[in-house]
């Protein structure tokens, strides 16, 4: 049997009766379940351990994510406007592990979070981006949401001015018309953005702390100390880069050292000397550091939790860019190239590679990124015959296209071209898996 990853839906993973779901989340694990509300307003109350960071994503139907929120702040979700419709919840662990449950009921009014399915304003969760007269945009960013908009420049170069709250930490990712991420900038220090190369640019405004109203408008001139974003330059290529007070400094022997200061990001890039090649990271024991890894084309390959993955093994060769950031705490860090693979390394493979592989423990999951070389493109999987492995497919915007049981078909066909993220996970059993481009 062959799967097609296009507009197929997610599979529900209910573990109890229709009105109650429960399970156990390991660190970095996730679980999903589907409900069909019987009224226009329906509450779902979550119970999670008090010493963990569990979040929930809420999807409208099959693919559109509506909300992504912290269960330590909101224990009850009110689903509005969804009577008789399919609503999917994905609960996942950012840090810690333990039992969870979700049950329909009244819940706590003080910690209630409302999710609305109906709406006509383009948005991501409760964040909005609304066109204004004169070609500008205004909106609101509500933590932890993202607001998106796109522009086609009228001149080259062209400068845009952003207004944001003084007490919130807003960042912005900028993509070209092909979905390649060009930059990720901190708007507190870069209110003017100069676009170079002409054509279409897409913007994703997000918050790492606080929320509030924002605006963007096209202006004449270059503004005060503008941040330049060029289509030809793509990702920052300097070996020494910083964001805010966070730093990444090259050292003798090809090492890097620096400091991460909440909520900043430290960046550096390397060109591998071997394939594969392993890097070892040292970080504070009392801080939660994560790291995004991109390939030479700006494709985000992985988002690694450094508390559990001190060794990172790069496969496919070439240039890799790293963005270290904190979700709690700050402090010094270092990275160095080592011989061998290290202890239980986290494997990151370039998106253009023809083979991806890994090994899963029971209930574990691993992801990899594919840039399709043709359309359609087939990927064939192998896995232990006595294990139950599934594959979830996302498009380049993060929307889920399908959730497939490999025992019912070992080949997944990717249609539409571009970038896909595939998550391999174990529902039962453990062992090695491979995925090969056909």
Protein backbone atom coordinates (compact mmCIF):
# COMPACT_ATOMS: atom_id res chain seq x y z
CA UNK A 1 0.00 0.00 0.00
CA UNK A 2 1.23 3.51 -0.86
CA UNK A 3 0.43 6.60 1.17
CA UNK A 4 0.06 10.05 -0.38
CA UNK A 5 1.00 12.96 1.88
CA UNK A 6 -1.20 15.74 0.53
CA UNK A 7 -4.44 16.44 2.37
CA UNK A 8 -4.88 13.34 4.48
CA UNK A 9 -5.76 13.63 8.15
CA UNK A 10 -4.25 12.76 11.49
CA UNK A 11 -5.00 9.58 13.38
CA UNK A 12 -6.65 9.83 16.80
CA UNK A 13 -4.85 8.15 19.67
CA UNK A 14 -7.63 7.90 22.26
CA UNK A 15 -6.80 5.77 25.28
CA UNK A 16 -10.08 5.84 27.14
CA UNK A 17 -13.80 6.59 26.67
CA UNK A 18 -15.10 9.24 24.28
CA UNK A 19 -15.19 12.03 26.87
CA UNK A 20 -11.87 11.28 28.57
CA UNK A 21 -8.37 10.68 27.27
CA UNK A 22 -5.17 9.91 29.19
CA UNK A 23 -1.63 8.71 28.78
CA UNK A 24 1.98 9.09 29.77
CA UNK A 25 4.41 11.55 28.12
CA UNK A 26 8.14 10.99 28.14
CA UNK A 27 10.53 13.91 27.76
CA UNK A 28 10.21 15.34 24.19
CA UNK A 29 7.24 13.00 23.56
CA UNK A 30 3.76 13.84 22.24
CA UNK A 31 0.28 12.29 22.01
CA UNK A 32 -2.81 13.22 19.99
CA UNK A 33 -6.55 12.72 20.37
CA UNK A 34 -9.62 13.84 18.41
CA UNK A 35 -12.99 15.11 19.65
CA UNK A 36 -16.23 16.24 18.02
CA UNK A 37 -17.89 18.78 20.34
CA UNK A 38 -21.63 18.31 20.91
CA UNK A 39 -22.27 21.99 21.67
CA UNK A 40 -21.09 25.37 20.39
CA UNK A 41 -19.09 25.86 23.61
CA UNK A 42 -17.33 22.80 25.01
CA UNK A 43 -14.69 22.75 27.76
CA UNK A 44 -11.80 20.30 28.02
CA UNK A 45 -9.91 20.18 31.31
CA UNK A 46 -6.29 18.92 31.36
CA UNK A 47 -4.53 17.37 34.34
CA UNK A 48 -0.72 17.28 34.25
CA UNK A 49 2.08 17.00 36.84
CA UNK A 50 3.01 20.23 38.57
CA UNK A 51 6.75 19.97 37.89
CA UNK A 52 6.71 19.59 34.08
CA UNK A 53 6.38 21.83 31.02
CA UNK A 54 3.54 20.34 28.93
CA UNK A 55 2.02 22.29 26.01
CA UNK A 56 -1.02 21.65 23.79
CA UNK A 57 -1.55 22.40 20.12
CA UNK A 58 -5.15 22.61 18.86
CA UNK A 59 -5.99 21.88 15.21
CA UNK A 60 -9.10 22.73 13.19
CA UNK A 61 -10.05 19.57 11.28
CA UNK A 62 -6.96 17.95 9.77
CA UNK A 63 -4.23 20.50 9.11
CA UNK A 64 -4.77 24.05 10.44
CA UNK A 65 -3.18 24.78 13.83
CA UNK A 66 -5.25 27.27 15.82
CA UNK A 67 -3.43 27.52 19.15
CA UNK A 68 -0.26 26.42 20.94
CA UNK A 69 -0.32 27.11 24.69
CA UNK A 70 1.37 26.28 27.99
CA UNK A 71 -0.64 24.00 30.29
CA UNK A 72 1.09 25.48 33.32
CA UNK A 73 -0.83 28.70 32.56
CA UNK A 74 -4.11 27.33 31.18
CA UNK A 75 -5.57 24.02 32.36
CA UNK A 76 -8.95 24.31 30.58
CA UNK A 77 -9.62 24.77 26.85
CA UNK A 78 -12.97 26.14 25.69
CA UNK A 79 -13.63 25.10 22.09
CA UNK A 80 -15.96 27.62 20.45
CA UNK A 81 -17.90 27.21 17.20
CA UNK A 82 -16.97 23.55 16.70
CA UNK A 83 -20.24 21.69 17.21
CA UNK A 84 -20.10 18.47 15.19
CA UNK A 85 -16.67 19.37 13.75
CA UNK A 86 -13.39 17.50 14.07
CA UNK A 87 -10.95 19.05 16.58
CA UNK A 88 -7.51 17.55 17.22
CA UNK A 89 -5.42 18.10 20.35
CA UNK A 90 -1.69 17.39 20.41
CA UNK A 91 -0.19 17.41 23.91
CA UNK A 92 3.61 17.43 24.03
CA UNK A 93 6.41 17.64 26.59
CA UNK A 94 8.87 20.53 26.48
CA UNK A 95 10.58 19.40 29.69
CA UNK A 96 9.83 16.61 32.14
CA UNK A 97 7.62 13.54 31.94
CA UNK A 98 4.53 12.12 33.58
CA UNK A 99 0.85 11.17 33.34
CA UNK A 100 -1.74 13.42 31.71
CA UNK A 101 -5.47 13.32 31.16
CA UNK A 102 -8.11 15.40 29.39
CA UNK A 103 -11.82 15.28 30.16
CA UNK A 104 -14.85 17.20 28.97
CA UNK A 105 -16.44 19.28 31.73
CA UNK A 106 -16.56 22.76 33.21
CA UNK A 107 -12.93 23.23 34.26
CA UNK A 108 -11.51 26.26 36.03
CA UNK A 109 -12.70 29.67 34.87
CA UNK A 110 -9.49 31.33 36.10
CA UNK A 111 -7.22 29.29 33.83
CA UNK A 112 -9.51 28.91 30.82
CA UNK A 113 -8.20 29.34 27.27
CA UNK A 114 -10.66 29.87 24.39
CA UNK A 115 -10.09 28.41 20.93
CA UNK A 116 -12.41 29.64 18.16
CA UNK A 117 -12.75 27.63 14.97
CA UNK A 118 -14.73 30.13 12.91
CA UNK A 119 -13.17 33.40 11.72
CA UNK A 120 -12.49 35.54 8.66
CA UNK A 121 -9.37 37.47 9.71
CA UNK A 122 -6.06 35.85 8.64
CA UNK A 123 -4.34 34.80 11.85
CA UNK A 124 -2.23 32.27 13.72
CA UNK A 125 -4.00 31.43 16.95
CA UNK A 126 -5.18 34.79 18.38
CA UNK A 127 -2.44 36.80 16.71
CA UNK A 128 -3.49 38.84 13.67
CA UNK A 129 -2.04 40.61 10.62
CA UNK A 130 -4.52 43.01 8.99
CA UNK A 131 -3.82 45.08 5.82
CA UNK A 132 -4.24 48.87 6.19
CA UNK A 133 -4.81 51.69 3.73
CA UNK A 134 -1.53 52.69 2.13
CA UNK A 135 -0.14 49.15 1.93
CA UNK A 136 0.82 48.67 5.59
CA UNK A 137 -0.19 46.11 8.20
CA UNK A 138 -1.37 46.23 11.81
CA UNK A 139 -2.20 43.49 14.27
CA UNK A 140 -1.73 41.93 17.66
CA UNK A 141 0.63 39.21 18.81
CA UNK A 142 -0.69 37.11 21.68
CA UNK A 143 1.84 34.86 23.40
CA UNK A 144 2.85 32.30 22.16
CA UNK A 145 1.31 32.90 18.73
CA UNK A 146 2.67 34.04 15.37
CA UNK A 147 1.34 36.70 12.97
CA UNK A 148 2.10 36.31 9.25
CA UNK A 149 1.96 38.58 6.20
CA UNK A 150 3.64 38.92 2.81
CA UNK A 151 4.64 41.86 0.63
CA UNK A 152 5.89 42.36 -2.91
CA UNK A 153 8.42 45.18 -2.96
CA UNK A 154 7.85 48.28 -5.12
CA UNK A 155 11.53 49.21 -5.22
CA UNK A 156 14.89 47.56 -4.64
CA UNK A 157 16.03 48.08 -1.94
CA UNK A 158 12.90 48.86 0.09
CA UNK A 159 12.64 49.68 3.82
CA UNK A 160 9.85 48.81 6.24
CA UNK A 161 9.37 50.34 9.69
CA UNK A 162 7.98 48.27 12.57
CA UNK A 163 6.29 49.55 15.74
CA UNK A 164 6.08 47.12 18.67
CA UNK A 165 5.42 47.30 22.44
CA UNK A 166 8.39 48.47 24.49
CA UNK A 167 7.83 45.80 27.17
CA UNK A 168 7.55 42.72 24.92
CA UNK A 169 10.20 40.62 23.18
CA UNK A 170 9.12 40.35 19.54
CA UNK A 171 11.14 38.54 16.87
CA UNK A 172 10.52 38.13 13.15
CA UNK A 173 11.45 35.46 10.60
CA UNK A 174 11.70 36.58 6.96
CA UNK A 175 11.38 34.13 4.03
CA UNK A 176 11.77 34.53 0.28
CA UNK A 177 9.14 33.44 -2.27
CA UNK A 178 10.49 29.86 -2.20
CA UNK A 179 10.05 29.50 1.55
CA UNK A 180 13.79 29.83 2.28
CA UNK A 181 14.36 31.52 5.63
CA UNK A 182 16.55 34.57 5.08
CA UNK A 183 16.81 35.90 8.61
CA UNK A 184 15.44 35.79 12.15
CA UNK A 185 15.76 39.21 13.76
CA UNK A 186 15.03 40.76 17.14
CA UNK A 187 12.68 43.71 16.62
CA UNK A 188 13.70 45.38 19.89
CA UNK A 189 17.02 46.21 18.25
CA UNK A 190 15.96 46.33 14.57
CA UNK A 191 12.88 48.52 14.03
CA UNK A 192 13.83 49.26 10.40
CA UNK A 193 14.21 46.37 7.93
CA UNK A 194 15.78 46.95 4.51
CA UNK A 195 14.78 44.33 1.91
CA UNK A 196 17.31 43.72 -0.86
CA UNK A 197 16.73 41.65 -4.00
CA UNK A 198 13.16 42.65 -4.86
CA UNK A 199 10.05 40.52 -5.25
CA UNK A 200 8.06 38.74 -2.56
CA UNK A 201 9.04 38.52 1.12
CA UNK A 202 7.06 36.72 3.83
CA UNK A 203 7.15 37.76 7.49
CA UNK A 204 6.43 35.72 10.64
CA UNK A 205 6.26 37.86 13.78
CA UNK A 206 6.40 35.96 17.06
CA UNK A 207 6.96 36.62 20.74
CA UNK A 208 9.38 35.06 23.19
CA UNK A 209 7.96 37.15 26.03
CA UNK A 210 4.91 39.41 26.34
CA UNK A 211 2.27 40.40 23.80
CA UNK A 212 0.59 43.46 22.31
CA UNK A 213 -0.16 45.48 19.18
CA UNK A 214 2.28 45.96 16.29
CA UNK A 215 2.35 47.71 12.91
CA UNK A 216 4.50 47.72 9.77
CA UNK A 217 4.65 50.26 6.97
CA UNK A 218 6.66 50.89 3.82
CA UNK A 219 8.74 54.06 4.01
CA UNK A 220 11.04 56.20 1.90
CA UNK A 221 14.73 56.24 2.80
CA UNK A 222 16.55 53.60 4.80
CA UNK A 223 15.61 54.57 8.35
CA UNK A 224 17.86 54.62 11.40
CA UNK A 225 20.49 51.84 11.26
CA UNK A 226 18.33 49.38 9.27
CA UNK A 227 18.69 45.62 9.46
CA UNK A 228 19.50 44.46 5.92
CA UNK A 229 17.85 41.27 4.65
CA UNK A 230 19.17 40.16 1.26
CA UNK A 231 17.93 37.32 -0.94
CA UNK A 232 21.44 36.74 -2.21
CA UNK A 233 22.97 36.52 1.27
CA UNK A 234 20.43 34.20 2.92
CA UNK A 235 21.51 33.06 6.35
CA UNK A 236 24.20 35.00 8.24
CA UNK A 237 27.56 33.52 7.21
CA UNK A 238 29.91 35.17 9.68
CA UNK A 239 31.50 32.74 12.17
CA UNK A 240 31.01 35.34 14.91
CA UNK A 241 27.42 36.49 15.35
CA UNK A 242 25.28 37.69 18.21
CA UNK A 243 21.68 38.55 18.98
CA UNK A 244 21.18 40.96 21.85
CA UNK A 245 23.78 40.07 24.51
CA UNK A 246 24.16 36.43 23.47
CA UNK A 247 27.40 35.56 21.70
CA UNK A 248 29.11 32.86 19.62
CA UNK A 249 32.89 33.28 19.35
CA UNK A 250 35.33 31.11 17.35
CA UNK A 251 38.25 29.65 19.30
CA UNK A 252 41.49 27.86 18.36
CA UNK A 253 40.99 24.32 17.11
CA UNK A 254 37.67 25.10 15.41
CA UNK A 255 35.71 25.42 18.66
CA UNK A 256 33.04 27.98 19.57
CA UNK A 257 32.23 29.51 22.95
CA UNK A 258 29.72 32.06 24.07
CA UNK A 259 26.99 33.16 26.44
CA UNK A 260 23.22 32.92 26.06
CA UNK A 261 21.30 35.66 27.85
CA UNK A 262 17.54 35.14 28.09
CA UNK A 263 15.69 35.62 25.74
CA UNK A 264 18.48 36.05 23.17
CA UNK A 265 19.94 33.70 20.57
CA UNK A 266 23.57 32.84 19.73
CA UNK A 267 24.45 31.82 16.16
CA UNK A 268 27.38 30.22 14.40
CA UNK A 269 28.03 28.21 11.24
CA UNK A 270 30.44 25.41 10.36
CA UNK A 271 31.50 23.58 7.22
CA UNK A 272 32.05 19.92 8.05
CA UNK A 273 35.47 18.34 7.52
CA UNK A 274 34.09 14.80 7.46
CA UNK A 275 30.78 13.07 6.72
CA UNK A 276 29.41 12.25 9.21
CA UNK A 277 30.86 14.66 11.77
CA UNK A 278 30.08 14.96 15.49
CA UNK A 279 30.02 18.09 17.68
CA UNK A 280 29.97 18.10 21.48
CA UNK A 281 28.13 20.84 23.41
CA UNK A 282 28.66 21.94 27.01
CA UNK A 283 25.86 23.94 28.66
CA UNK A 284 24.79 24.95 32.19
CA UNK A 285 23.08 22.18 34.15
CA UNK A 286 20.38 24.55 35.47
CA UNK A 287 19.27 26.16 32.19
CA UNK A 288 17.00 24.92 29.41
CA UNK A 289 18.96 25.43 26.17
CA UNK A 290 17.67 24.40 22.76
CA UNK A 291 19.31 24.62 19.32
CA UNK A 292 17.89 24.97 15.82
CA UNK A 293 20.05 23.59 12.99
CA UNK A 294 19.77 24.76 9.37
CA UNK A 295 21.42 23.54 6.19
CA UNK A 296 23.19 25.71 3.59
CA UNK A 297 19.88 26.55 1.88
CA UNK A 298 18.29 27.82 5.10
CA UNK A 299 16.09 24.76 5.67
CA UNK A 300 15.53 24.14 9.36
CA UNK A 301 16.58 20.53 9.90
CA UNK A 302 15.98 20.05 13.60
CA UNK A 303 15.31 21.70 16.96
CA UNK A 304 17.41 19.91 19.57
CA UNK A 305 17.02 19.99 23.36
CA UNK A 306 20.62 20.20 24.54
CA UNK A 307 19.82 18.93 28.05
CA UNK A 308 19.24 15.49 26.56
CA UNK A 309 21.48 15.64 23.44
CA UNK A 310 24.99 16.92 24.19
CA UNK A 311 26.40 15.21 21.07
CA UNK A 312 25.10 16.19 17.61
CA UNK A 313 26.09 14.12 14.56
CA UNK A 314 25.88 15.97 11.21
CA UNK A 315 25.21 13.78 8.17
CA UNK A 316 25.34 14.80 4.50
CA UNK A 317 28.33 17.15 4.63
CA UNK A 318 28.63 20.84 3.79
CA UNK A 319 27.56 23.91 5.74
CA UNK A 320 25.33 23.81 8.83
CA UNK A 321 24.11 26.85 10.81
CA UNK A 322 23.27 26.71 14.53
CA UNK A 323 20.94 28.92 16.59
CA UNK A 324 21.24 28.33 20.34
CA UNK A 325 18.44 29.78 22.47
CA UNK A 326 17.01 29.46 25.95
CA UNK A 327 13.50 28.68 27.18
CA UNK A 328 14.61 29.15 30.78
CA UNK A 329 17.82 30.41 32.39
CA UNK A 330 21.07 31.62 30.84
CA UNK A 331 24.82 31.02 31.02
CA UNK A 332 27.97 30.01 29.16
CA UNK A 333 28.16 27.31 26.48
CA UNK A 334 30.78 25.75 24.20
CA UNK A 335 30.88 23.52 21.11
CA UNK A 336 33.74 21.53 19.63
CA UNK A 337 34.29 19.05 16.81
CA UNK A 338 35.23 15.57 18.09
CA UNK A 339 36.36 12.26 16.62
CA UNK A 340 33.95 9.37 16.87
CA UNK A 341 30.20 9.66 17.40
CA UNK A 342 30.01 10.45 21.12
CA UNK A 343 27.50 9.01 23.56
CA UNK A 344 24.03 8.49 22.04
CA UNK A 345 24.38 11.33 19.50
CA UNK A 346 21.42 13.22 18.06
CA UNK A 347 21.63 12.68 14.28
CA UNK A 348 20.86 15.60 11.94
CA UNK A 349 20.84 14.89 8.21
CA UNK A 350 20.91 17.46 5.40
CA UNK A 351 17.55 17.94 3.63
CA UNK A 352 18.96 16.98 0.23
CA UNK A 353 20.29 13.60 1.40
CA UNK A 354 18.78 10.51 -0.20
CA UNK A 355 18.77 8.40 2.98
CA UNK A 356 17.74 9.13 6.56
CA UNK A 357 17.98 6.72 9.46
CA UNK A 358 17.70 6.43 13.21
CA UNK A 359 16.77 4.19 16.12
CA UNK A 360 13.72 4.52 18.36
CA UNK A 361 12.95 3.39 21.87
CA UNK A 362 9.35 2.48 22.63
CA UNK A 363 7.13 5.61 22.44
CA UNK A 364 10.09 7.59 21.03
CA UNK A 365 10.07 9.87 17.99
CA UNK A 366 12.62 11.30 15.52
CA UNK A 367 12.14 13.85 12.74
CA UNK A 368 13.93 14.68 9.51
CA UNK A 369 13.52 17.26 6.75
CA UNK A 370 13.23 16.51 3.05
CA UNK A 371 13.52 18.92 0.14
CA UNK A 372 11.85 17.06 -2.71
CA UNK A 373 14.03 16.62 -5.79
CA UNK A 374 10.99 15.85 -7.99
CA UNK A 375 7.19 16.01 -7.83
CA UNK A 376 5.79 13.56 -6.87
CA UNK A 377 8.54 11.88 -4.86
CA UNK A 378 8.42 8.47 -3.15
CA UNK A 379 10.12 7.57 0.15
CA UNK A 380 10.34 3.93 1.22
CA UNK A 381 10.69 3.00 4.92
CA UNK A 382 12.10 -0.03 6.70
CA UNK A 383 11.61 -0.76 10.42
CA UNK A 384 11.56 -3.78 12.78
CA UNK A 385 8.92 -6.31 11.77
CA UNK A 386 7.75 -6.74 15.38
CA UNK A 387 7.31 -2.99 16.02
CA UNK A 388 4.43 -0.58 15.35
CA UNK A 389 5.95 2.52 13.72
CA UNK A 390 4.07 5.49 12.28
CA UNK A 391 5.11 8.53 10.22
CA UNK A 392 3.58 11.99 10.52
CA UNK A 393 4.14 14.40 7.58
CA UNK A 394 4.17 18.21 7.80
CA UNK A 395 4.41 20.77 5.01
CA UNK A 396 6.85 23.71 5.07
CA UNK A 397 4.40 25.84 7.10
CA UNK A 398 4.18 23.19 9.81
CA UNK A 399 0.66 22.03 8.89
CA UNK A 400 0.14 18.28 9.25
CA UNK A 401 -0.67 16.47 6.00
CA UNK A 402 -1.06 12.94 7.30
CA UNK A 403 -0.29 10.38 10.01
CA UNK A 404 0.50 6.98 8.50
CA UNK A 405 0.77 3.45 9.90
CA UNK A 406 3.81 1.87 8.21
CA UNK A 407 2.39 -1.62 8.67
CA UNK A 408 -0.31 -0.65 6.15
CA UNK A 409 2.13 0.77 3.61
CA UNK A 410 5.90 1.26 3.57
CA UNK A 411 6.01 3.95 0.84
CA UNK A 412 4.91 7.56 1.30
CA UNK A 413 4.45 9.77 -1.77
CA UNK A 414 5.15 13.48 -1.29
CA UNK A 415 3.22 15.74 -3.66
CA UNK A 416 3.51 19.47 -4.27
CA UNK A 417 7.30 19.76 -4.08
CA UNK A 418 9.34 21.87 -1.68
CA UNK A 419 10.09 21.14 1.96
CA UNK A 420 8.49 18.41 4.09
CA UNK A 421 9.16 17.35 7.68
CA UNK A 422 8.63 13.67 8.50
CA UNK A 423 8.34 12.45 12.08
CA UNK A 424 8.95 8.73 12.68
CA UNK A 425 7.61 7.46 15.99
CA UNK A 426 7.10 4.18 17.81
CA UNK A 427 3.65 3.25 19.09
CA UNK A 428 4.94 -0.13 20.22
CA UNK A 429 8.38 -1.72 20.09
CA UNK A 430 11.80 -0.34 19.34
CA UNK A 431 14.64 -0.57 16.83
CA UNK A 432 16.35 0.95 13.79
CA UNK A 433 14.52 2.57 10.86
CA UNK A 434 15.57 3.91 7.45
CA UNK A 435 13.91 6.09 4.83
CA UNK A 436 15.21 6.17 1.23
CA UNK A 437 14.33 8.38 -1.69
CA UNK A 438 13.13 6.19 -4.57
